[in-house]
Protein backbone atom coordinates (compact mmCIF):
# COMPACT_ATOMS: atom_id res chain seq x y z
CA MET A 1 16.88 -40.86 9.53
CA ALA A 2 16.63 -39.67 5.96
CA LEU A 3 18.94 -36.82 5.07
CA PRO A 4 17.39 -33.48 3.89
CA PHE A 5 19.69 -33.64 0.90
CA SER A 6 21.28 -36.05 -1.55
CA VAL A 7 25.05 -36.28 -2.20
CA PHE A 8 26.20 -37.87 -5.44
CA LEU A 9 28.75 -37.93 -8.22
CA ARG A 10 27.80 -36.57 -11.60
CA GLY A 11 29.20 -38.31 -14.68
CA ASN A 12 32.99 -38.46 -14.79
CA ARG A 13 33.45 -35.32 -12.68
CA PRO A 14 35.71 -35.68 -9.62
CA TYR A 15 33.60 -33.63 -7.19
CA TYR A 16 30.51 -34.67 -5.26
CA TYR A 17 27.31 -32.66 -5.75
CA VAL A 18 24.56 -31.93 -3.25
CA ALA A 19 20.85 -31.35 -3.95
CA PHE A 20 18.66 -30.18 -1.06
CA LYS A 21 15.14 -31.63 -0.84
CA ASN A 22 12.15 -29.33 -0.44
CA GLU A 23 9.88 -31.29 1.92
CA GLU A 24 6.86 -29.15 0.89
CA THR A 25 6.99 -30.19 -2.74
CA GLY A 26 9.13 -33.32 -2.60
CA ARG A 27 11.35 -31.75 -5.24
CA TYR A 28 15.09 -31.36 -5.07
CA LEU A 29 16.66 -27.99 -5.58
CA PRO A 30 19.25 -27.64 -8.36
CA ALA A 31 22.44 -29.52 -7.49
CA ILE A 32 25.57 -27.63 -6.35
CA SER A 33 29.16 -28.87 -6.49
CA THR A 34 30.73 -29.27 -3.04
CA LYS A 35 34.26 -29.17 -4.50
CA LYS A 36 34.93 -32.30 -2.39
CA THR A 37 36.31 -35.54 -3.83
CA LYS A 38 35.32 -37.67 -0.83
CA GLU A 39 31.71 -38.45 0.01
CA ALA A 40 32.16 -37.92 3.78
CA ASP A 41 33.67 -34.50 3.19
CA ALA A 42 30.83 -33.66 0.82
CA VAL A 43 28.21 -34.65 3.43
CA ARG A 44 29.90 -32.46 6.04
CA GLN A 45 29.91 -29.54 3.59
CA ALA A 46 26.21 -30.12 2.86
CA TRP A 47 25.37 -29.93 6.60
CA VAL A 48 27.27 -26.64 6.86
CA TRP A 49 25.29 -25.21 3.98
CA PHE A 50 22.06 -26.56 5.45
CA ARG A 51 22.86 -24.65 8.64
CA ASP A 52 24.46 -21.46 7.26
CA GLY A 53 22.84 -21.10 3.84
CA ILE A 54 23.42 -22.24 0.28
CA PRO A 55 26.30 -20.35 -1.37
CA ARG A 56 25.60 -17.92 -4.17
CA LYS A 57 27.74 -15.35 -5.93
CA GLY A 58 28.76 -12.87 -3.26
CA ASP A 59 26.42 -14.18 -0.52
CA SER A 60 24.42 -17.16 0.68
CA LEU A 61 20.73 -18.13 0.59
CA ASP A 62 19.00 -19.35 3.75
CA ILE A 63 17.72 -22.90 3.22
CA LYS A 64 14.16 -21.95 4.29
CA THR A 65 14.18 -19.07 1.84
CA ALA A 66 15.40 -21.40 -0.88
CA TYR A 67 12.53 -23.80 -0.08
CA LEU A 68 10.03 -20.91 -0.11
CA ARG A 69 11.17 -19.69 -3.49
CA ASP A 70 11.06 -23.20 -4.90
CA THR A 71 7.54 -23.73 -3.48
CA ILE A 72 6.28 -20.49 -5.03
CA ARG A 73 7.96 -21.23 -8.34
CA HIS A 74 6.26 -24.60 -8.66
CA SER A 75 2.86 -23.80 -7.10
CA ASN A 76 -0.39 -23.00 -8.88
CA ILE A 77 -0.91 -19.52 -7.41
CA SER A 78 -4.39 -18.06 -7.84
CA PRO A 79 -5.11 -14.31 -8.16
CA SER A 80 -6.31 -14.29 -4.55
CA ASP A 81 -3.06 -15.98 -3.46
CA ALA A 82 -1.10 -13.32 -5.31
CA GLU A 83 -3.12 -10.55 -3.65
CA PHE A 84 -2.45 -12.08 -0.23
CA ILE A 85 1.28 -12.31 -0.89
CA ILE A 86 1.47 -8.75 -2.22
CA SER A 87 -0.61 -7.42 0.66
CA ASP A 88 1.69 -9.07 3.18
CA LEU A 89 4.80 -7.74 1.44
CA LYS A 90 3.30 -4.23 1.44
CA HIS A 91 2.52 -4.59 5.15
CA ARG A 92 6.14 -5.52 5.78
CA GLY A 93 7.25 -2.48 3.82
CA LEU A 94 9.09 -4.58 1.24
CA ILE A 95 7.17 -3.23 -1.75
CA LEU A 96 5.29 -0.01 -2.38
CA SER A 97 3.12 -0.97 -5.32
CA CYS A 98 2.29 -3.84 -7.59
CA VAL A 99 0.44 -3.98 -10.90
CA PHE A 100 -1.61 -7.11 -11.62
CA SER A 101 -2.03 -8.22 -15.21
CA GLY A 102 -5.40 -7.12 -16.57
CA ALA A 103 -6.15 -4.79 -13.66
CA HIS A 104 -7.38 -1.21 -14.11
CA ASP A 105 -3.97 0.14 -13.20
CA SER A 106 -2.04 -2.05 -15.63
CA VAL A 107 -2.38 0.54 -18.40
CA ARG A 108 0.36 2.99 -19.25
CA LEU A 109 0.00 6.29 -17.43
CA ALA A 110 0.39 8.05 -20.78
CA ASP A 111 -2.57 6.13 -22.27
CA TYR A 112 -4.70 6.75 -19.19
CA LEU A 113 -4.05 10.51 -19.20
CA GLU A 114 -4.73 10.84 -22.91
CA GLU A 115 -8.05 9.03 -22.61
CA PHE A 116 -8.97 10.95 -19.45
CA TRP A 117 -8.68 14.27 -21.29
CA ASP A 118 -10.12 13.07 -24.61
CA TRP A 119 -13.41 14.89 -25.10
CA GLU A 120 -15.09 11.97 -26.86
CA ARG A 121 -13.78 9.07 -24.74
CA SER A 122 -13.36 10.47 -21.23
CA PRO A 123 -15.68 9.06 -18.52
CA TYR A 124 -14.63 12.03 -16.36
CA ILE A 125 -15.84 14.56 -18.93
CA ARG A 126 -19.08 12.61 -19.44
CA GLU A 127 -19.59 12.69 -15.69
CA LYS A 128 -18.99 16.45 -15.54
CA LEU A 129 -21.40 17.12 -18.39
CA ARG A 130 -24.03 14.78 -16.93
CA THR A 131 -23.96 16.54 -13.58
CA ASP A 132 -24.06 19.98 -15.23
CA HIS A 133 -20.63 20.95 -13.98
CA SER A 134 -18.85 23.51 -16.10
CA ILE A 135 -16.22 22.07 -18.44
CA HIS A 136 -15.46 23.28 -21.95
CA ARG A 137 -13.51 22.03 -24.92
CA ASN A 138 -11.22 25.03 -24.84
CA TYR A 139 -10.10 24.18 -21.29
CA VAL A 140 -9.70 20.48 -22.12
CA HIS A 141 -7.64 21.33 -25.19
CA GLY A 142 -5.22 23.37 -23.07
CA VAL A 143 -4.92 20.61 -20.49
CA ILE A 144 -4.23 17.83 -23.01
CA CYS A 145 -1.51 20.00 -24.54
CA ASP A 146 0.14 20.22 -21.11
CA VAL A 147 -0.23 16.48 -20.61
CA LYS A 148 1.44 15.66 -23.91
CA LYS A 149 4.21 18.25 -23.57
CA TYR A 150 5.17 17.57 -19.95
CA TRP A 151 3.60 14.48 -18.35
CA LEU A 152 4.03 12.12 -21.31
CA ALA A 153 7.55 13.35 -21.92
CA PHE A 154 8.52 12.61 -18.31
CA PHE A 155 6.55 9.34 -17.92
CA PRO A 156 6.69 7.70 -21.38
CA SER A 157 6.32 4.08 -20.25
CA VAL A 158 5.45 3.88 -16.52
CA LEU A 159 2.24 2.02 -15.67
CA LEU A 160 -0.57 3.77 -13.83
CA GLY A 161 -0.30 1.38 -10.89
CA GLU A 162 3.46 1.85 -10.59
CA LEU A 163 3.30 5.59 -9.98
CA GLN A 164 4.24 6.74 -6.48
CA PRO A 165 4.16 10.12 -4.69
CA ASN A 166 7.94 10.43 -4.99
CA ASP A 167 7.56 10.08 -8.78
CA ILE A 168 5.26 13.10 -8.80
CA GLU A 169 7.74 14.99 -6.63
CA ARG A 170 10.45 14.22 -9.20
CA PHE A 171 8.14 15.55 -11.91
CA ILE A 172 7.62 18.76 -9.94
CA ASP A 173 11.39 19.15 -9.59
CA TYR A 174 11.68 18.63 -13.34
CA LEU A 175 9.22 21.47 -13.98
CA SER A 176 11.31 23.73 -11.78
CA GLU A 177 14.27 23.30 -14.11
CA ILE A 178 12.44 23.99 -17.38
CA LYS A 179 12.98 27.31 -19.11
CA THR A 180 10.90 28.48 -22.05
CA GLY A 181 10.57 31.33 -24.50
CA LYS A 182 13.15 33.36 -26.36
CA ASN A 183 14.69 34.56 -23.11
CA LYS A 184 14.65 31.07 -21.54
CA LYS A 185 12.74 32.16 -18.47
CA PRO A 186 11.53 29.65 -15.84
CA ILE A 187 7.87 28.69 -15.97
CA SER A 188 5.83 30.82 -13.56
CA ASN A 189 4.51 29.15 -10.42
CA ILE A 190 0.91 29.63 -11.55
CA ARG A 191 1.72 27.99 -14.89
CA LYS A 192 3.53 25.09 -13.19
CA ASN A 193 0.57 24.50 -10.90
CA GLY A 194 -1.72 24.27 -13.93
CA ILE A 195 0.58 21.68 -15.51
CA ILE A 196 0.72 19.66 -12.29
CA ARG A 197 -3.08 19.68 -11.93
CA ALA A 198 -3.37 18.27 -15.45
CA GLY A 199 -2.06 15.02 -13.95
CA LEU A 200 -3.29 15.27 -10.37
CA ILE A 201 -6.96 15.58 -11.36
CA PRO A 202 -6.94 12.27 -13.32
CA LEU A 203 -4.95 10.49 -10.59
CA ARG A 204 -7.27 11.68 -7.83
CA TRP A 205 -10.29 10.63 -9.91
CA ALA A 206 -8.72 7.20 -10.51
CA TYR A 207 -8.42 6.67 -6.75
CA ARG A 208 -12.04 7.74 -6.11
CA LYS A 209 -13.22 5.28 -8.77
CA GLY A 210 -11.15 2.40 -7.39
CA LYS A 211 -8.82 2.22 -10.37
CA ILE A 212 -5.73 2.60 -8.18
CA GLY A 213 -5.27 1.40 -4.63
CA GLN A 214 -3.93 4.59 -3.03
CA ASP A 215 -4.38 8.32 -3.40
CA ILE A 216 -0.88 9.18 -4.53
CA THR A 217 -1.85 12.86 -4.89
CA ARG A 218 -2.40 13.22 -1.15
CA GLY A 219 0.16 15.50 0.44
CA ILE A 220 1.49 16.83 -2.87
CA MET A 221 2.27 20.52 -2.37
CA LEU A 222 1.88 22.94 -5.25
CA PHE A 223 4.05 25.97 -5.84
CA SER A 224 3.36 29.03 -3.75
CA GLY A 225 3.18 32.59 -4.91
CA LYS A 226 0.70 34.77 -6.66
CA SER A 227 0.43 35.35 -10.37
CA ALA A 228 2.27 38.36 -11.66
CA GLU A 229 0.35 41.58 -11.30
CA ARG A 230 -1.37 42.50 -14.54
CA PRO A 231 -0.62 46.10 -15.47
CA ILE A 232 -3.67 48.24 -16.06
CA LEU A 233 -3.89 51.42 -18.05
CA THR A 234 -3.97 54.75 -16.31
CA PRO A 235 -7.07 56.87 -16.94
CA GLU A 236 -4.88 59.31 -18.89
CA LEU A 237 -3.59 56.55 -21.16
CA ALA A 238 -7.12 55.20 -21.69
CA THR A 239 -8.27 58.68 -22.72
CA SER A 240 -5.37 58.95 -25.14
CA ILE A 241 -5.89 55.67 -26.95
CA PHE A 242 -9.63 56.20 -27.44
CA SER A 243 -9.06 59.64 -28.90
CA GLN A 244 -7.10 58.03 -31.76
CA GLU A 245 -8.30 56.48 -34.98
CA TRP A 246 -7.84 52.71 -35.03
CA ALA A 247 -7.16 50.52 -38.06
CA ASP A 248 -10.13 48.33 -37.14
CA GLU A 249 -12.99 50.19 -35.46
CA ARG A 250 -14.52 46.89 -34.30
CA SER A 251 -11.47 46.43 -32.11
CA LYS A 252 -11.80 49.98 -30.79
CA VAL A 253 -15.43 49.48 -29.80
CA ALA A 254 -14.63 46.09 -28.23
CA ASN A 255 -11.87 47.62 -26.09
CA MET A 256 -14.07 50.54 -25.11
CA THR A 257 -16.92 48.22 -24.12
CA ALA A 258 -14.55 46.07 -22.07
CA MET A 259 -13.30 49.16 -20.23
CA VAL A 260 -16.75 50.31 -19.09
CA THR A 261 -18.28 46.85 -18.44
CA GLY A 262 -15.45 44.49 -17.48
CA LEU A 263 -16.64 41.87 -20.02
CA ARG A 264 -14.24 39.06 -20.89
CA ALA A 265 -12.97 38.80 -24.46
CA GLY A 266 -14.97 35.60 -25.05
CA GLU A 267 -18.13 37.29 -23.74
CA LEU A 268 -17.66 40.15 -26.19
CA GLN A 269 -17.17 37.65 -29.00
CA GLY A 270 -20.39 35.90 -27.97
CA LEU A 271 -22.37 39.15 -27.86
CA ARG A 272 -25.24 39.13 -30.38
CA VAL A 273 -27.56 41.84 -31.59
CA GLY A 274 -30.41 40.50 -29.46
CA ASP A 275 -28.23 41.02 -26.38
CA LEU A 276 -28.14 44.80 -26.83
CA GLY A 277 -30.71 46.21 -24.44
CA ASP A 278 -31.87 49.72 -23.59
CA GLY A 279 -28.95 50.88 -21.47
CA PHE A 280 -27.70 47.39 -20.66
CA LEU A 281 -26.17 44.23 -22.18
CA LEU A 282 -27.43 40.68 -21.73
CA VAL A 283 -24.37 38.51 -21.17
CA ARG A 284 -25.69 35.08 -22.09
CA HIS A 285 -22.87 33.48 -24.02
CA SER A 286 -19.15 33.26 -24.49
CA TRP A 287 -17.12 32.08 -27.48
CA ASN A 288 -13.98 30.07 -28.04
CA ARG A 289 -12.69 28.26 -31.09
CA PHE A 290 -13.32 24.79 -29.66
CA ASP A 291 -16.71 25.10 -27.94
CA LYS A 292 -17.95 27.83 -30.30
CA LEU A 293 -20.92 29.66 -28.77
CA LYS A 294 -21.31 28.37 -25.22
CA PRO A 295 -22.67 29.46 -21.82
CA THR A 296 -20.65 31.97 -19.84
CA LYS A 297 -17.69 30.87 -17.72
CA ASN A 298 -19.84 30.27 -14.64
CA ASN A 299 -22.93 29.11 -16.55
CA CYS A 300 -24.78 32.19 -15.26
CA GLU A 301 -26.43 34.78 -17.45
CA ARG A 302 -26.26 38.35 -16.17
CA VAL A 303 -27.38 41.86 -16.97
CA VAL A 304 -24.51 44.32 -17.34
CA GLU A 305 -25.32 47.99 -17.14
CA LEU A 306 -24.26 50.25 -20.03
CA PRO A 307 -25.33 53.82 -19.17
CA PHE A 308 -23.35 55.33 -22.07
CA PRO A 309 -25.57 55.95 -25.12
CA PHE A 310 -22.48 56.62 -27.20
CA VAL A 311 -21.01 53.16 -26.53
CA LEU A 312 -24.34 51.42 -27.10
CA GLN A 313 -24.83 53.37 -30.33
CA SER A 314 -21.34 52.34 -31.45
CA LEU A 315 -22.12 48.66 -30.74
CA LYS A 316 -25.30 48.84 -32.79
CA TYR A 317 -23.53 50.60 -35.63
CA ILE A 318 -20.74 48.00 -35.70
CA ALA A 319 -23.38 45.26 -35.79
CA SER A 320 -25.22 46.97 -38.65
CA LEU A 321 -22.09 46.76 -40.84
CA ASN A 322 -22.14 42.95 -40.78
CA PRO A 323 -21.56 41.86 -44.40
CA HIS A 324 -23.52 38.66 -43.75
CA GLY A 325 -26.69 40.47 -42.68
CA THR A 326 -28.10 41.53 -39.34
CA SER A 327 -30.56 39.69 -37.08
CA ASP A 328 -31.02 39.16 -33.36
CA ASN A 329 -28.71 36.14 -33.60
CA SER A 330 -25.93 37.77 -35.62
CA PHE A 331 -22.69 38.66 -33.87
CA VAL A 332 -22.04 42.24 -32.88
CA PHE A 333 -18.31 41.74 -33.53
CA TRP A 334 -18.66 39.85 -36.79
CA ALA A 335 -15.97 38.08 -38.81
CA SER A 336 -15.43 39.16 -42.37
CA LEU A 337 -15.20 35.68 -43.91
CA SER A 338 -17.83 33.74 -41.97
CA ALA A 339 -21.28 34.43 -40.57
CA ASP A 340 -20.93 31.52 -38.16
CA LYS A 341 -18.22 32.97 -35.96
CA PRO A 342 -17.18 36.33 -34.51
CA MET A 343 -13.92 38.18 -35.09
CA GLU A 344 -10.81 36.76 -33.46
CA GLN A 345 -9.72 37.78 -29.96
CA LYS A 346 -6.24 38.49 -31.26
CA LEU A 347 -7.68 41.42 -33.24
CA PHE A 348 -8.99 42.94 -30.00
CA LEU A 349 -5.51 42.66 -28.52
CA SER A 350 -3.50 43.82 -31.54
CA GLY A 351 -5.70 46.91 -31.80
CA LEU A 352 -5.06 47.71 -28.13
CA ARG A 353 -1.30 47.31 -28.37
CA ASN A 354 -1.01 49.28 -31.60
CA SER A 355 -2.94 52.16 -30.02
CA LEU A 356 -0.64 52.07 -26.99
CA ILE A 357 2.39 52.36 -29.25
CA THR A 358 0.78 55.28 -31.06
CA ALA A 359 0.15 56.86 -27.66
CA GLY A 360 3.89 56.79 -26.95
CA LEU A 361 4.67 53.41 -25.35
CA ASN A 362 7.48 51.30 -26.77
CA GLU A 363 6.66 47.86 -28.12
CA THR A 364 7.95 46.04 -25.03
CA ALA A 365 5.83 48.16 -22.68
CA ALA A 366 2.78 47.77 -24.93
CA ARG A 367 3.13 43.97 -24.88
CA ASP A 368 2.88 44.00 -21.10
CA PHE A 369 -0.81 44.76 -21.51
CA CYS A 370 -3.35 42.11 -22.47
CA PHE A 371 -7.02 42.46 -23.31
CA HIS A 372 -7.91 41.03 -19.90
CA SER A 373 -6.27 44.14 -18.41
CA TRP A 374 -9.56 45.94 -19.05
CA ARG A 375 -11.32 43.58 -16.67
CA HIS A 376 -8.79 44.47 -13.98
CA PHE A 377 -9.16 48.16 -14.89
CA PHE A 378 -12.94 47.99 -14.51
CA THR A 379 -12.81 46.06 -11.24
CA THR A 380 -10.09 48.23 -9.72
CA TYR A 381 -11.83 51.56 -10.29
CA MET A 382 -15.40 50.39 -9.74
CA ARG A 383 -14.54 48.70 -6.45
CA LYS A 384 -13.84 52.11 -4.99
CA LYS A 385 -17.38 53.19 -5.83
CA ILE A 386 -19.76 50.30 -5.08
CA GLU A 387 -20.01 47.35 -2.72
CA ASP A 388 -18.71 43.93 -3.75
CA LYS A 389 -22.16 42.41 -4.20
CA LEU A 390 -23.08 44.93 -6.88
CA LEU A 391 -19.69 44.67 -8.54
CA GLN A 392 -19.97 40.89 -8.73
CA SER A 393 -23.35 41.19 -10.43
CA GLN A 394 -21.55 43.00 -13.25
CA THR A 395 -18.31 41.03 -13.56
CA GLY A 396 -19.75 37.56 -12.97
CA HIS A 397 -16.99 36.67 -10.50
CA LYS A 398 -17.81 33.66 -8.30
CA THR A 399 -15.18 33.82 -5.62
CA ILE A 400 -16.97 34.82 -2.40
CA PRO A 401 -19.48 32.10 -1.48
CA MET A 402 -21.81 34.21 0.61
CA LEU A 403 -21.93 36.95 -2.01
CA ASP A 404 -22.61 34.37 -4.71
CA ARG A 405 -25.93 33.60 -3.07
CA TYR A 406 -27.18 37.14 -3.27
CA SER A 407 -25.41 38.73 -6.24
CA ALA A 408 -28.26 37.78 -8.57
CA HIS A 409 -30.88 39.49 -6.38
CA LEU A 410 -30.46 43.23 -6.78
CA LEU A 411 -32.45 45.51 -4.54
CA PRO A 412 -34.43 48.48 -5.77
CA GLY A 413 -32.00 51.26 -6.55
CA ASP A 414 -28.98 48.94 -7.02
CA ARG A 415 -28.97 49.41 -10.79
CA ASP A 416 -28.94 53.14 -10.31
CA LYS A 417 -25.95 52.84 -7.98
CA ILE A 418 -24.06 50.79 -10.55
CA ARG A 419 -24.86 53.13 -13.41
CA GLU A 420 -23.95 56.20 -11.37
CA ALA A 421 -20.61 54.63 -10.45
CA GLN A 422 -19.91 53.80 -14.09
CA ARG A 423 -20.67 57.35 -15.18
CA ASP A 424 -18.50 58.73 -12.41
CA VAL A 425 -15.52 56.52 -13.31
CA PHE A 426 -15.63 56.28 -17.09
CA SER A 427 -17.48 59.28 -18.58
CA SER A 428 -14.36 61.45 -18.75
CA LEU A 429 -12.40 58.66 -20.46
CA LEU A 430 -14.78 58.16 -23.39
CA PRO A 431 -14.48 60.12 -26.62
CA SER A 432 -17.34 62.22 -27.87
CA GLY A 433 -19.23 61.24 -30.98
CA ASN A 434 -17.64 64.15 -32.80
CA ASN A 435 -14.15 62.70 -32.72
CA PHE A 436 -15.02 59.02 -33.12
CA ASN A 437 -14.62 57.98 -36.72
CA ILE A 438 -16.93 54.93 -36.61
CA LEU A 439 -20.06 57.08 -36.41
CA LYS A 440 -19.14 59.17 -39.43
CA PRO A 441 -20.83 58.30 -42.72
């Protein structure tokens, strides 16, 4: 009977070598010294190794495993063979993921994320725009900044197909340790969730499109907790700041309009002369520096009541001062240097904070307020006066599904209810025309 190995001397060396024969390929494995000077002793040693495994540094290799490795190494393995092998190894729990050369998931995660959030190249953004889902350049710009600052810094070279749920968990732990700002405060939970979603959205989309084999975002838990409560002005403080003279009266009128209507800063920027109605505002656009003039946040135009002739008169007067000329399409809150854009949001905010300091707040307390505080102010006080459906028709909130369906269909008398509530809440907070500098020649 032929032996499953060959024992032989090599050159002038004193020891016999053994080479085991792979019956599948007919090839001999690399020869190993038996450290035996007699052939019979070498044969006995070879049988021991054949039974117990071929010696290696620190351990031994089972002869069948050695044959398997040799067969794989010298076989012409097709892509389908490779998929079968990988699938079986995954089934046995020996590997979690594998990236095939040239596959969709063989790209770097960093490259995939950058393309996913690139406005010009992203198939995801094209899909959103094609299906008329709301997505804007301003939002995408913020997300890509988070991707570059956090995701790419943490995963500089990992391939898309290599990423596993535990990798994302490590990333979440990493976010928990980051501290930012002058005071080195931890990132808020709401902020961390936004950063995490900047990566989860592309990964979930990749799974739906068959670019990766598993949904590695499944089961990922975001941070709990609510966003910090936004402080809102008291009615007394609101009365105080609007009784003052402001350095920029455009900012004063913008803040006053936000108080009595709940309009967002971008919606005020997008307000044009043709949107000023008789006792109401047409909210048809919003503005940001990336999208420019665009539809509102929820892509829904709305009529916002403005039952204060003084505020409406102030808006028209501000618009009439436009150095670039006035038309239905000109901005109410114009910019001094360009007719093609409105004044900056930061001027709305700086005017508010400066007036708060003049009213007696210190700088730290004044900085706790943001322009969006007016939206909370409006919603808080109006909610006590009218039902949610009517309030939503004014603010444009889209958070209660059943109310969404009916908020655009006001019943007879609803506008009167809204206007009466506005007068009841805000009339005492507004200055009279006699002490408001903007209306003076």
